[in-house]
Structures are given as structure tokens and as C-alpha cells.
N, C-alpha and C. Protein backbone atom coordinates (compact mmCIF):
# COMPACT_ATOMS: atom_id res chain seq x y z
N MET A 1 60.85 107.82 79.17
CA MET A 1 60.11 107.90 77.93
C MET A 1 60.77 106.97 76.91
N ALA A 2 59.94 106.33 76.10
CA ALA A 2 60.41 105.49 75.00
C ALA A 2 59.79 105.99 73.70
N THR A 3 60.58 105.92 72.64
CA THR A 3 60.09 106.24 71.31
C THR A 3 59.94 104.94 70.55
N ALA A 4 58.77 104.69 70.00
CA ALA A 4 58.50 103.43 69.30
C ALA A 4 58.28 103.67 67.82
N GLY A 5 58.73 102.72 67.05
CA GLY A 5 58.55 102.74 65.61
C GLY A 5 58.86 101.36 65.07
N VAL A 6 59.30 101.29 63.84
CA VAL A 6 59.68 100.02 63.25
C VAL A 6 61.14 100.08 62.83
N SER A 7 61.76 98.92 62.76
CA SER A 7 63.17 98.85 62.41
C SER A 7 63.37 98.92 60.89
N GLU A 8 64.59 99.16 60.51
CA GLU A 8 64.97 99.17 59.10
C GLU A 8 64.64 97.81 58.47
N TYR A 9 64.90 96.74 59.21
CA TYR A 9 64.62 95.38 58.72
C TYR A 9 63.12 95.22 58.43
N ALA A 10 62.28 95.69 59.34
CA ALA A 10 60.83 95.59 59.13
C ALA A 10 60.39 96.41 57.93
N VAL A 11 60.97 97.58 57.78
CA VAL A 11 60.63 98.44 56.65
C VAL A 11 61.02 97.75 55.34
N GLU A 12 62.19 97.13 55.31
CA GLU A 12 62.62 96.42 54.11
C GLU A 12 61.69 95.25 53.81
N ALA A 13 61.21 94.57 54.84
CA ALA A 13 60.28 93.46 54.64
C ALA A 13 58.97 93.94 54.01
N LEU A 14 58.62 95.19 54.26
CA LEU A 14 57.42 95.79 53.68
C LEU A 14 57.72 96.46 52.33
N ASN A 15 58.92 96.28 51.82
CA ASN A 15 59.35 96.88 50.56
C ASN A 15 59.26 98.41 50.58
N ARG A 16 59.30 98.99 51.76
CA ARG A 16 59.27 100.45 51.94
C ARG A 16 58.00 101.11 51.39
N ASP A 17 57.02 100.31 51.01
CA ASP A 17 55.80 100.83 50.40
C ASP A 17 54.71 101.05 51.45
N ILE A 18 54.98 101.84 52.46
CA ILE A 18 54.02 102.09 53.54
C ILE A 18 52.98 103.08 53.03
N VAL A 19 51.71 102.69 53.11
CA VAL A 19 50.64 103.56 52.61
C VAL A 19 49.70 104.06 53.72
N PHE A 20 49.76 103.42 54.90
CA PHE A 20 48.84 103.81 55.97
C PHE A 20 49.41 103.35 57.31
N VAL A 21 49.24 104.20 58.31
CA VAL A 21 49.63 103.86 59.67
C VAL A 21 48.49 104.29 60.59
N GLU A 22 48.00 103.34 61.38
CA GLU A 22 46.96 103.65 62.37
C GLU A 22 47.60 103.61 63.75
N LEU A 23 47.53 104.73 64.45
CA LEU A 23 48.18 104.84 65.75
C LEU A 23 47.17 105.21 66.83
N PRO A 24 47.49 104.91 68.08
CA PRO A 24 46.57 105.25 69.17
C PRO A 24 46.58 106.75 69.45
N ALA A 25 45.56 107.21 70.12
CA ALA A 25 45.46 108.61 70.51
C ALA A 25 46.36 108.87 71.72
N VAL A 26 46.79 110.10 71.86
CA VAL A 26 47.52 110.50 73.05
C VAL A 26 46.65 110.18 74.26
N GLY A 27 47.26 109.62 75.29
CA GLY A 27 46.54 109.25 76.51
C GLY A 27 46.20 107.77 76.56
N THR A 28 46.27 107.09 75.43
CA THR A 28 45.98 105.65 75.39
C THR A 28 47.04 104.91 76.19
N VAL A 29 46.62 103.92 76.94
CA VAL A 29 47.55 103.06 77.68
C VAL A 29 47.84 101.84 76.83
N VAL A 30 49.14 101.57 76.62
CA VAL A 30 49.57 100.42 75.83
C VAL A 30 50.25 99.41 76.76
N GLU A 31 50.27 98.15 76.33
CA GLU A 31 50.85 97.09 77.14
C GLU A 31 51.95 96.39 76.35
N GLN A 32 53.07 96.16 77.01
CA GLN A 32 54.20 95.53 76.34
C GLN A 32 53.78 94.25 75.64
N GLY A 33 54.17 94.14 74.37
CA GLY A 33 53.89 92.94 73.59
C GLY A 33 52.51 92.86 72.99
N LYS A 34 51.67 93.85 73.27
CA LYS A 34 50.30 93.87 72.75
C LYS A 34 50.21 94.88 71.59
N PRO A 35 49.31 94.63 70.64
CA PRO A 35 49.16 95.57 69.52
C PRO A 35 48.72 96.96 69.98
N PHE A 36 49.32 97.97 69.35
CA PHE A 36 48.91 99.35 69.63
C PHE A 36 48.45 100.06 68.37
N GLY A 37 48.66 99.45 67.23
CA GLY A 37 48.28 100.08 65.98
C GLY A 37 48.49 99.13 64.82
N VAL A 38 48.41 99.70 63.62
CA VAL A 38 48.50 98.91 62.39
C VAL A 38 49.38 99.66 61.39
N ILE A 39 50.16 98.90 60.64
CA ILE A 39 50.92 99.47 59.53
C ILE A 39 50.52 98.72 58.27
N GLU A 40 50.26 99.48 57.21
CA GLU A 40 49.80 98.87 55.96
C GLU A 40 50.76 99.23 54.85
N ALA A 41 51.20 98.20 54.15
CA ALA A 41 52.02 98.38 52.95
C ALA A 41 51.11 98.09 51.75
N VAL A 42 51.65 98.19 50.56
CA VAL A 42 50.85 98.00 49.36
C VAL A 42 50.15 96.65 49.36
N LYS A 43 50.83 95.59 49.83
CA LYS A 43 50.27 94.25 49.74
C LYS A 43 50.05 93.56 51.07
N ALA A 44 50.19 94.25 52.20
CA ALA A 44 50.07 93.57 53.49
C ALA A 44 49.69 94.56 54.59
N VAL A 45 49.07 94.02 55.64
CA VAL A 45 48.73 94.79 56.83
C VAL A 45 49.27 94.04 58.04
N TYR A 46 49.94 94.76 58.94
CA TYR A 46 50.54 94.14 60.12
C TYR A 46 50.20 94.93 61.37
N ASP A 47 50.05 94.21 62.49
CA ASP A 47 49.90 94.86 63.77
C ASP A 47 51.24 95.44 64.21
N LEU A 48 51.19 96.53 64.97
CA LEU A 48 52.35 97.12 65.62
C LEU A 48 52.27 96.75 67.09
N PHE A 49 53.38 96.32 67.68
CA PHE A 49 53.38 95.86 69.06
C PHE A 49 54.17 96.81 69.95
N ALA A 50 53.63 97.07 71.12
CA ALA A 50 54.27 98.00 72.06
C ALA A 50 55.54 97.38 72.65
N PRO A 51 56.63 98.12 72.62
CA PRO A 51 57.87 97.61 73.21
C PRO A 51 57.85 97.63 74.74
N VAL A 52 57.07 98.54 75.30
CA VAL A 52 56.94 98.69 76.75
C VAL A 52 55.51 99.10 77.08
N SER A 53 55.15 98.94 78.32
CA SER A 53 53.84 99.37 78.80
C SER A 53 53.92 100.84 79.24
N GLY A 54 52.81 101.53 79.08
CA GLY A 54 52.75 102.91 79.53
C GLY A 54 51.67 103.68 78.82
N ARG A 55 51.74 105.00 78.97
CA ARG A 55 50.74 105.89 78.39
C ARG A 55 51.36 106.61 77.19
N VAL A 56 50.63 106.66 76.09
CA VAL A 56 51.08 107.37 74.90
C VAL A 56 51.05 108.87 75.21
N ILE A 57 52.21 109.51 75.09
CA ILE A 57 52.27 110.94 75.39
C ILE A 57 52.44 111.80 74.13
N GLU A 58 52.76 111.14 73.01
CA GLU A 58 52.89 111.88 71.76
C GLU A 58 52.74 110.90 70.59
N VAL A 59 52.11 111.38 69.53
CA VAL A 59 51.96 110.62 68.29
C VAL A 59 52.60 111.47 67.20
N ASN A 60 53.36 110.83 66.32
CA ASN A 60 54.04 111.57 65.26
C ASN A 60 53.01 112.17 64.29
N PRO A 61 52.83 113.48 64.30
CA PRO A 61 51.81 114.10 63.45
C PRO A 61 52.13 114.01 61.96
N ALA A 62 53.40 113.86 61.61
CA ALA A 62 53.80 113.80 60.19
C ALA A 62 53.23 112.57 59.49
N LEU A 63 52.95 111.50 60.25
CA LEU A 63 52.49 110.26 59.64
C LEU A 63 51.06 110.34 59.13
N ALA A 64 50.27 111.27 59.63
CA ALA A 64 48.90 111.42 59.17
C ALA A 64 48.86 111.83 57.70
N ASN A 65 49.77 112.70 57.30
CA ASN A 65 49.80 113.19 55.93
C ASN A 65 50.76 112.42 55.04
N ASP A 66 51.77 111.77 55.65
CA ASP A 66 52.79 111.09 54.87
C ASP A 66 53.27 109.83 55.60
N PRO A 67 52.47 108.75 55.58
CA PRO A 67 52.89 107.53 56.26
C PRO A 67 54.15 106.92 55.65
N GLY A 68 54.46 107.29 54.42
CA GLY A 68 55.66 106.77 53.76
C GLY A 68 56.96 107.19 54.42
N VAL A 69 56.91 108.22 55.27
CA VAL A 69 58.12 108.64 55.98
C VAL A 69 58.65 107.49 56.85
N VAL A 70 57.78 106.61 57.29
CA VAL A 70 58.22 105.44 58.07
C VAL A 70 59.17 104.60 57.23
N GLY A 71 58.86 104.42 55.96
CA GLY A 71 59.70 103.63 55.08
C GLY A 71 60.97 104.33 54.66
N ARG A 72 60.92 105.63 54.58
CA ARG A 72 62.10 106.39 54.15
C ARG A 72 63.06 106.67 55.29
N LEU A 73 62.52 106.97 56.46
CA LEU A 73 63.35 107.41 57.59
C LEU A 73 62.91 106.76 58.91
N PRO A 74 62.93 105.42 59.00
CA PRO A 74 62.40 104.77 60.20
C PRO A 74 63.13 105.11 61.50
N TRP A 75 64.41 105.45 61.43
CA TRP A 75 65.18 105.72 62.66
C TRP A 75 65.14 107.18 63.09
N THR A 76 64.62 108.05 62.22
CA THR A 76 64.61 109.46 62.58
C THR A 76 63.19 110.01 62.52
N ASP A 77 62.79 110.58 61.40
CA ASP A 77 61.49 111.22 61.28
C ASP A 77 60.33 110.23 61.25
N GLY A 78 60.61 108.94 61.07
CA GLY A 78 59.55 107.94 60.94
C GLY A 78 59.10 107.31 62.25
N TRP A 79 59.49 107.89 63.38
CA TRP A 79 59.02 107.36 64.67
C TRP A 79 57.49 107.43 64.71
N MET A 80 56.88 106.58 65.56
CA MET A 80 55.42 106.51 65.60
C MET A 80 54.81 107.12 66.86
N ILE A 81 55.21 106.59 68.01
CA ILE A 81 54.65 107.09 69.26
C ILE A 81 55.74 107.22 70.32
N ARG A 82 55.46 108.09 71.29
CA ARG A 82 56.33 108.20 72.47
C ARG A 82 55.49 107.74 73.66
N ILE A 83 56.12 106.92 74.49
CA ILE A 83 55.41 106.29 75.60
C ILE A 83 56.06 106.68 76.92
N GLU A 84 55.24 107.11 77.87
CA GLU A 84 55.71 107.31 79.23
C GLU A 84 55.72 105.92 79.87
N ILE A 85 56.89 105.39 80.12
CA ILE A 85 57.05 104.01 80.58
C ILE A 85 56.49 103.85 81.99
N SER A 86 55.63 102.86 82.17
CA SER A 86 55.04 102.63 83.49
C SER A 86 55.86 101.65 84.33
N ASP A 87 56.65 100.80 83.71
CA ASP A 87 57.47 99.82 84.44
C ASP A 87 58.84 99.72 83.78
N PRO A 88 59.81 100.50 84.23
CA PRO A 88 61.13 100.50 83.62
C PRO A 88 61.80 99.12 83.58
N GLN A 89 61.39 98.22 84.46
CA GLN A 89 61.98 96.87 84.45
C GLN A 89 61.63 96.11 83.17
N GLU A 90 60.58 96.53 82.46
CA GLU A 90 60.25 95.89 81.20
C GLU A 90 61.34 96.07 80.15
N LEU A 91 62.15 97.08 80.32
CA LEU A 91 63.25 97.30 79.37
C LEU A 91 64.18 96.09 79.33
N ASP A 92 64.25 95.36 80.43
CA ASP A 92 65.08 94.15 80.49
C ASP A 92 64.57 93.06 79.56
N ASN A 93 63.30 93.14 79.15
CA ASN A 93 62.70 92.14 78.26
C ASN A 93 63.02 92.39 76.79
N LEU A 94 63.57 93.56 76.47
CA LEU A 94 63.85 93.91 75.08
C LEU A 94 65.17 93.31 74.61
N LEU A 95 65.25 93.06 73.32
CA LEU A 95 66.50 92.57 72.73
C LEU A 95 67.53 93.68 72.68
N THR A 96 68.78 93.32 72.85
CA THR A 96 69.86 94.27 72.61
C THR A 96 70.03 94.39 71.09
N PRO A 97 70.71 95.42 70.62
CA PRO A 97 70.96 95.50 69.17
C PRO A 97 71.65 94.24 68.63
N MET A 98 72.59 93.68 69.39
CA MET A 98 73.29 92.48 68.93
C MET A 98 72.33 91.29 68.86
N GLN A 99 71.48 91.13 69.87
CA GLN A 99 70.50 90.03 69.86
C GLN A 99 69.54 90.18 68.69
N TYR A 100 69.13 91.40 68.41
CA TYR A 100 68.22 91.64 67.29
C TYR A 100 68.89 91.28 65.97
N ALA A 101 70.15 91.69 65.80
CA ALA A 101 70.89 91.37 64.58
C ALA A 101 71.04 89.85 64.42
N GLU A 102 71.28 89.16 65.51
CA GLU A 102 71.40 87.70 65.46
C GLU A 102 70.08 87.06 65.08
N GLN A 103 68.98 87.58 65.61
CA GLN A 103 67.65 87.06 65.28
C GLN A 103 67.34 87.25 63.80
N ILE A 104 67.64 88.41 63.29
CA ILE A 104 67.42 88.70 61.87
C ILE A 104 68.25 87.75 61.00
N ALA A 105 69.51 87.58 61.38
CA ALA A 105 70.40 86.70 60.60
C ALA A 105 69.88 85.27 60.60
N SER A 106 69.36 84.81 61.73
CA SER A 106 68.85 83.43 61.78
C SER A 106 67.57 83.27 60.97
N GLU A 107 66.77 84.32 60.85
CA GLU A 107 65.54 84.27 60.06
C GLU A 107 65.82 84.27 58.56
N LYS A 108 66.95 84.82 58.18
CA LYS A 108 67.30 84.89 56.75
C LYS A 108 67.80 83.55 56.24
N HIS A 109 68.12 82.64 57.14
CA HIS A 109 68.66 81.33 56.71
C HIS A 109 67.59 80.29 56.65
């Protein structure tokens, strides 16, 4: 199982002003690297991309009433969906925390 959401860096890029989150229904099949939903901040709308392929087994119910929790607590209560991974080898395609930090640092320059 994988838990998907957005990173602290992404939340900061949205100025923490998350006003709406559109997520797939439980049972939806998502594909790695493809959009699975939408996140809307006060001044922008962005697609959300699946980190792995699989079936959505849970959607965070708290986001329906308070999408701002994504901006306040992205690593804990602000998770979006849980995915039953269909191909564990796809995990090899993900960045490590160090690679992600390096990517962020290079984008800031």
C-alpha cells in the first residue's frame, strides 16, 4: 500500500492556501505518472499525479470538509489517497528523499 499526497515544498509553492481538492473514488485505478485528481489554491489549479499504479483503496474523508488540512499538515493528516500497488517495481522509479531535495535545490537557483 502507498499513501499519496503532496510534499511540504509543493504546499509552500501554493502558499498553503488550498481551497479545493478533487480526488478519485475508492476503486478507481490510477497509473503511475498520470493525473488522479486536482488541487486548487487561491490563485492556481494543478493536477495531482499518481506516484504508483494501482487501485485506490481509501480517500481521506477529512479533505471533503477541510481541504486546507493539506496545506497545514501535508505529511500527516493531509494525505490524499491510499493505493493498493499493482506493480511494486514502480517504486524504483520514485526519487529518494535526497534526490528530491537535490531537485528542489536546483529549481530554486
